[in-house]
Amino acid sequence: MFILLTALCCTAVLYALYQTLGSFWAERHAYQHARRHAHKTLHDQVLRQALQEADAAGLGGAFRAYVSGVMVVTGQVRLQVGQLLWIFEQLEQGKRFDPAQPVPRFTKV
Protein backbone atom coordinates (compact mmCIF):
# COMPACT_ATOMS: atom_id res chain seq x y z
CA MET A 1 0.00 0.00 0.00
CA PHE A 2 2.83 2.37 0.89
CA ILE A 3 4.55 1.73 -2.45
CA LEU A 4 1.33 2.41 -4.35
CA LEU A 5 0.74 5.65 -2.42
CA THR A 6 4.34 6.76 -3.01
CA ALA A 7 4.07 6.01 -6.72
CA LEU A 8 0.81 7.95 -6.93
CA CYS A 9 2.36 10.97 -5.19
CA CYS A 10 5.42 10.86 -7.45
CA THR A 11 3.18 10.65 -10.50
CA ALA A 12 1.17 13.67 -9.33
CA VAL A 13 4.33 15.70 -8.74
CA LEU A 14 5.78 14.75 -12.13
CA TYR A 15 2.51 15.61 -13.87
CA ALA A 16 2.38 19.03 -12.18
CA LEU A 17 6.00 19.65 -13.18
CA TYR A 18 5.22 18.61 -16.75
CA GLN A 19 2.26 21.02 -16.91
CA THR A 20 4.29 23.90 -15.49
CA LEU A 21 7.26 23.39 -17.79
CA GLY A 22 4.98 22.86 -20.79
CA SER A 23 3.22 26.18 -20.28
CA PHE A 24 6.55 27.90 -19.60
CA TRP A 25 8.06 26.61 -22.85
CA ALA A 26 4.94 27.52 -24.83
CA GLU A 27 4.96 31.07 -23.46
CA ARG A 28 8.69 31.42 -24.07
CA HIS A 29 8.34 30.19 -27.65
CA ALA A 30 5.47 32.62 -28.34
CA TYR A 31 7.49 35.53 -26.91
CA GLN A 32 10.55 34.65 -29.01
CA HIS A 33 8.35 34.32 -32.09
CA ALA A 34 6.93 37.79 -31.44
CA ARG A 35 10.42 39.25 -30.94
CA ARG A 36 11.47 37.95 -34.37
CA HIS A 37 8.60 39.96 -35.84
CA ALA A 38 9.22 43.06 -33.69
CA HIS A 39 9.88 45.26 -36.73
CA LYS A 40 6.51 44.53 -38.36
CA THR A 41 3.51 46.81 -37.98
CA LEU A 42 0.78 45.65 -35.65
CA HIS A 43 -2.53 44.49 -37.09
CA ASP A 44 -5.59 46.41 -35.84
CA GLN A 45 -7.24 43.23 -34.57
CA VAL A 46 -4.22 42.44 -32.39
CA LEU A 47 -4.29 45.96 -30.97
CA ARG A 48 -8.01 45.62 -30.16
CA GLN A 49 -7.36 42.30 -28.43
CA ALA A 50 -4.50 43.81 -26.42
CA LEU A 51 -6.77 46.69 -25.43
CA GLN A 52 -9.45 44.25 -24.24
CA GLU A 53 -6.86 42.38 -22.17
CA ALA A 54 -5.61 45.65 -20.68
CA ASP A 55 -9.19 46.68 -19.84
CA ALA A 56 -9.78 43.30 -18.18
CA ALA A 57 -6.63 43.81 -16.09
CA GLY A 58 -7.71 47.33 -15.11
CA LEU A 59 -4.92 48.97 -17.10
CA GLY A 60 -6.96 50.23 -20.05
CA GLY A 61 -6.31 53.92 -19.38
CA ALA A 62 -2.57 53.47 -18.96
CA PHE A 63 -2.44 51.25 -22.06
CA ARG A 64 -4.29 53.86 -24.14
CA ALA A 65 -1.92 56.56 -22.86
CA TYR A 66 1.07 54.48 -23.96
CA VAL A 67 -0.39 53.73 -27.40
CA SER A 68 -1.28 57.34 -28.16
CA GLY A 69 1.99 58.59 -26.64
CA VAL A 70 4.11 56.20 -28.69
CA MET A 71 2.28 57.26 -31.85
CA VAL A 72 2.86 60.95 -31.09
CA VAL A 73 6.53 60.54 -30.11
CA THR A 74 7.43 58.32 -33.09
CA GLY A 75 5.15 60.02 -35.60
CA GLN A 76 3.87 56.63 -36.69
CA VAL A 77 0.23 55.90 -37.43
CA ARG A 78 0.55 52.25 -36.41
CA LEU A 79 2.50 50.51 -33.69
CA GLN A 80 5.15 47.90 -34.27
CA VAL A 81 4.95 44.46 -32.65
CA GLY A 82 8.06 45.24 -30.59
CA GLN A 83 6.54 48.47 -29.32
CA LEU A 84 3.48 46.56 -28.09
CA LEU A 85 5.76 44.15 -26.21
CA TRP A 86 7.64 47.15 -24.78
CA ILE A 87 4.35 48.71 -23.62
CA PHE A 88 3.39 45.48 -21.84
CA GLU A 89 6.81 45.35 -20.15
CA GLN A 90 6.42 48.95 -18.96
CA LEU A 91 2.92 48.29 -17.59
CA GLU A 92 4.09 45.12 -15.82
CA GLN A 93 6.78 47.20 -14.10
CA GLY A 94 4.12 49.71 -13.01
CA LYS A 95 5.50 52.55 -15.13
CA ARG A 96 3.25 55.19 -16.66
CA PHE A 97 3.91 56.88 -19.99
CA ASP A 98 6.34 59.77 -19.93
CA PRO A 99 6.82 61.72 -23.20
CA ALA A 100 10.46 62.36 -22.25
CA GLN A 101 11.08 58.61 -22.07
CA PRO A 102 12.75 57.20 -25.20
CA VAL A 103 10.48 54.94 -27.25
CA PRO A 104 12.26 52.02 -28.90
CA ARG A 105 12.15 51.64 -32.67
CA PHE A 106 12.58 48.21 -34.17
CA THR A 107 14.26 47.38 -37.44
CA LYS A 108 14.64 44.09 -39.24
CA VAL A 109 17.84 42.28 -38.29
C-alpha atoms as a PDB file:
ATOM      1  CA  MET A   1       0.000   0.000   0.000  1.00  0.00           C
ATOM      2  CA  PHE A   2       2.833   2.374   0.891  1.00  0.00           C
ATOM      3  CA  ILE A   3       4.547   1.733  -2.449  1.00  0.00           C
ATOM      4  CA  LEU A   4       1.328   2.409  -4.347  1.00  0.00           C
ATOM      5  CA  LEU A   5       0.743   5.650  -2.422  1.00  0.00           C
ATOM      6  CA  THR A   6       4.343   6.762  -3.012  1.00  0.00           C
ATOM      7  CA  ALA A   7       4.073   6.009  -6.725  1.00  0.00           C
ATOM      8  CA  LEU A   8       0.813   7.948  -6.929  1.00  0.00           C
ATOM      9  CA  CYS A   9       2.360  10.975  -5.192  1.00  0.00           C
ATOM     10  CA  CYS A  10       5.422  10.863  -7.454  1.00  0.00           C
ATOM     11  CA  THR A  11       3.176  10.648 -10.500  1.00  0.00           C
ATOM     12  CA  ALA A  12       1.169  13.672  -9.328  1.00  0.00           C
ATOM     13  CA  VAL A  13       4.334  15.700  -8.742  1.00  0.00           C
ATOM     14  CA  LEU A  14       5.779  14.748 -12.130  1.00  0.00           C
ATOM     15  CA  TYR A  15       2.508  15.613 -13.870  1.00  0.00           C
ATOM     16  CA  ALA A  16       2.383  19.031 -12.181  1.00  0.00           C
ATOM     17  CA  LEU A  17       5.999  19.652 -13.178  1.00  0.00           C
ATOM     18  CA  TYR A  18       5.224  18.613 -16.754  1.00  0.00           C
ATOM     19  CA  GLN A  19       2.261  21.020 -16.911  1.00  0.00           C
ATOM     20  CA  THR A  20       4.288  23.901 -15.488  1.00  0.00           C
ATOM     21  CA  LEU A  21       7.256  23.390 -17.794  1.00  0.00           C
ATOM     22  CA  GLY A  22       4.982  22.861 -20.791  1.00  0.00           C
ATOM     23  CA  SER A  23       3.218  26.175 -20.279  1.00  0.00           C
ATOM     24  CA  PHE A  24       6.550  27.898 -19.595  1.00  0.00           C
ATOM     25  CA  TRP A  25       8.056  26.613 -22.854  1.00  0.00           C
ATOM     26  CA  ALA A  26       4.941  27.518 -24.835  1.00  0.00           C
ATOM     27  CA  GLU A  27       4.957  31.067 -23.457  1.00  0.00           C
ATOM     28  CA  ARG A  28       8.690  31.424 -24.071  1.00  0.00           C
ATOM     29  CA  HIS A  29       8.336  30.187 -27.647  1.00  0.00           C
ATOM     30  CA  ALA A  30       5.472  32.618 -28.336  1.00  0.00           C
ATOM     31  CA  TYR A  31       7.490  35.529 -26.911  1.00  0.00           C
ATOM     32  CA  GLN A  32      10.553  34.647 -29.012  1.00  0.00           C
ATOM     33  CA  HIS A  33       8.350  34.322 -32.095  1.00  0.00           C
ATOM     34  CA  ALA A  34       6.926  37.786 -31.435  1.00  0.00           C
ATOM     35  CA  ARG A  35      10.415  39.250 -30.941  1.00  0.00           C
ATOM     36  CA  ARG A  36      11.474  37.947 -34.365  1.00  0.00           C
ATOM     37  CA  HIS A  37       8.604  39.964 -35.837  1.00  0.00           C
ATOM     38  CA  ALA A  38       9.218  43.062 -33.692  1.00  0.00           C
ATOM     39  CA  HIS A  39       9.879  45.264 -36.729  1.00  0.00           C
ATOM     40  CA  LYS A  40       6.508  44.531 -38.365  1.00  0.00           C
ATOM     41  CA  THR A  41       3.507  46.808 -37.976  1.00  0.00           C
ATOM     42  CA  LEU A  42       0.785  45.651 -35.654  1.00  0.00           C
ATOM     43  CA  HIS A  43      -2.528  44.489 -37.086  1.00  0.00           C
ATOM     44  CA  ASP A  44      -5.586  46.412 -35.837  1.00  0.00           C
ATOM     45  CA  GLN A  45      -7.245  43.234 -34.575  1.00  0.00           C
ATOM     46  CA  VAL A  46      -4.223  42.435 -32.390  1.00  0.00           C
ATOM     47  CA  LEU A  47      -4.291  45.964 -30.974  1.00  0.00           C
ATOM     48  CA  ARG A  48      -8.007  45.623 -30.160  1.00  0.00           C
ATOM     49  CA  GLN A  49      -7.365  42.299 -28.426  1.00  0.00           C
ATOM     50  CA  ALA A  50      -4.498  43.811 -26.422  1.00  0.00           C
ATOM     51  CA  LEU A  51      -6.771  46.690 -25.431  1.00  0.00           C
ATOM     52  CA  GLN A  52      -9.450  44.249 -24.242  1.00  0.00           C
ATOM     53  CA  GLU A  53      -6.858  42.383 -22.171  1.00  0.00           C
ATOM     54  CA  ALA A  54      -5.609  45.653 -20.677  1.00  0.00           C
ATOM     55  CA  ASP A  55      -9.187  46.679 -19.836  1.00  0.00           C
ATOM     56  CA  ALA A  56      -9.777  43.303 -18.178  1.00  0.00           C
ATOM     57  CA  ALA A  57      -6.627  43.805 -16.088  1.00  0.00           C
ATOM     58  CA  GLY A  58      -7.710  47.326 -15.110  1.00  0.00           C
ATOM     59  CA  LEU A  59      -4.918  48.974 -17.103  1.00  0.00           C
ATOM     60  CA  GLY A  60      -6.958  50.231 -20.050  1.00  0.00           C
ATOM     61  CA  GLY A  61      -6.315  53.916 -19.383  1.00  0.00           C
ATOM     62  CA  ALA A  62      -2.571  53.466 -18.957  1.00  0.00           C
ATOM     63  CA  PHE A  63      -2.436  51.252 -22.061  1.00  0.00           C
ATOM     64  CA  ARG A  64      -4.286  53.860 -24.143  1.00  0.00           C
ATOM     65  CA  ALA A  65      -1.917  56.556 -22.859  1.00  0.00           C
ATOM     66  CA  TYR A  66       1.070  54.479 -23.960  1.00  0.00           C
ATOM     67  CA  VAL A  67      -0.394  53.727 -27.399  1.00  0.00           C
ATOM     68  CA  SER A  68      -1.278  57.341 -28.163  1.00  0.00           C
ATOM     69  CA  GLY A  69       1.988  58.585 -26.639  1.00  0.00           C
ATOM     70  CA  VAL A  70       4.107  56.201 -28.694  1.00  0.00           C
ATOM     71  CA  MET A  71       2.284  57.259 -31.854  1.00  0.00           C
ATOM     72  CA  VAL A  72       2.863  60.949 -31.088  1.00  0.00           C
ATOM     73  CA  VAL A  73       6.527  60.536 -30.114  1.00  0.00           C
ATOM     74  CA  THR A  74       7.435  58.323 -33.087  1.00  0.00           C
ATOM     75  CA  GLY A  75       5.148  60.020 -35.595  1.00  0.00           C
ATOM     76  CA  GLN A  76       3.866  56.625 -36.694  1.00  0.00           C
ATOM     77  CA  VAL A  77       0.231  55.902 -37.434  1.00  0.00           C
ATOM     78  CA  ARG A  78       0.547  52.252 -36.413  1.00  0.00           C
ATOM     79  CA  LEU A  79       2.504  50.514 -33.691  1.00  0.00           C
ATOM     80  CA  GLN A  80       5.148  47.896 -34.270  1.00  0.00           C
ATOM     81  CA  VAL A  81       4.953  44.456 -32.650  1.00  0.00           C
ATOM     82  CA  GLY A  82       8.062  45.236 -30.594  1.00  0.00           C
ATOM     83  CA  GLN A  83       6.544  48.466 -29.317  1.00  0.00           C
ATOM     84  CA  LEU A  84       3.479  46.556 -28.085  1.00  0.00           C
ATOM     85  CA  LEU A  85       5.758  44.150 -26.207  1.00  0.00           C
ATOM     86  CA  TRP A  86       7.640  47.149 -24.782  1.00  0.00           C
ATOM     87  CA  ILE A  87       4.351  48.707 -23.620  1.00  0.00           C
ATOM     88  CA  PHE A  88       3.394  45.480 -21.844  1.00  0.00           C
ATOM     89  CA  GLU A  89       6.808  45.346 -20.146  1.00  0.00           C
ATOM     90  CA  GLN A  90       6.416  48.951 -18.963  1.00  0.00           C
ATOM     91  CA  LEU A  91       2.923  48.291 -17.594  1.00  0.00           C
ATOM     92  CA  GLU A  92       4.091  45.117 -15.819  1.00  0.00           C
ATOM     93  CA  GLN A  93       6.778  47.201 -14.101  1.00  0.00           C
ATOM     94  CA  GLY A  94       4.121  49.710 -13.012  1.00  0.00           C
ATOM     95  CA  LYS A  95       5.502  52.553 -15.129  1.00  0.00           C
ATOM     96  CA  ARG A  96       3.248  55.191 -16.662  1.00  0.00           C
ATOM     97  CA  PHE A  97       3.913  56.877 -19.991  1.00  0.00           C
ATOM     98  CA  ASP A  98       6.336  59.774 -19.929  1.00  0.00           C
ATOM     99  CA  PRO A  99       6.824  61.724 -23.199  1.00  0.00           C
ATOM    100  CA  ALA A 100      10.459  62.360 -22.252  1.00  0.00           C
ATOM    101  CA  GLN A 101      11.081  58.614 -22.068  1.00  0.00           C
ATOM    102  CA  PRO A 102      12.747  57.199 -25.202  1.00  0.00           C
ATOM    103  CA  VAL A 103      10.476  54.941 -27.247  1.00  0.00           C
ATOM    104  CA  PRO A 104      12.259  52.023 -28.903  1.00  0.00           C
ATOM    105  CA  ARG A 105      12.148  51.635 -32.667  1.00  0.00           C
ATOM    106  CA  PHE A 106      12.575  48.213 -34.168  1.00  0.00           C
ATOM    107  CA  THR A 107      14.260  47.380 -37.443  1.00  0.00           C
ATOM    108  CA  LYS A 108      14.640  44.092 -39.242  1.00  0.00           C
ATOM    109  CA  VAL A 109      17.842  42.285 -38.286  1.00  0.00           C
END
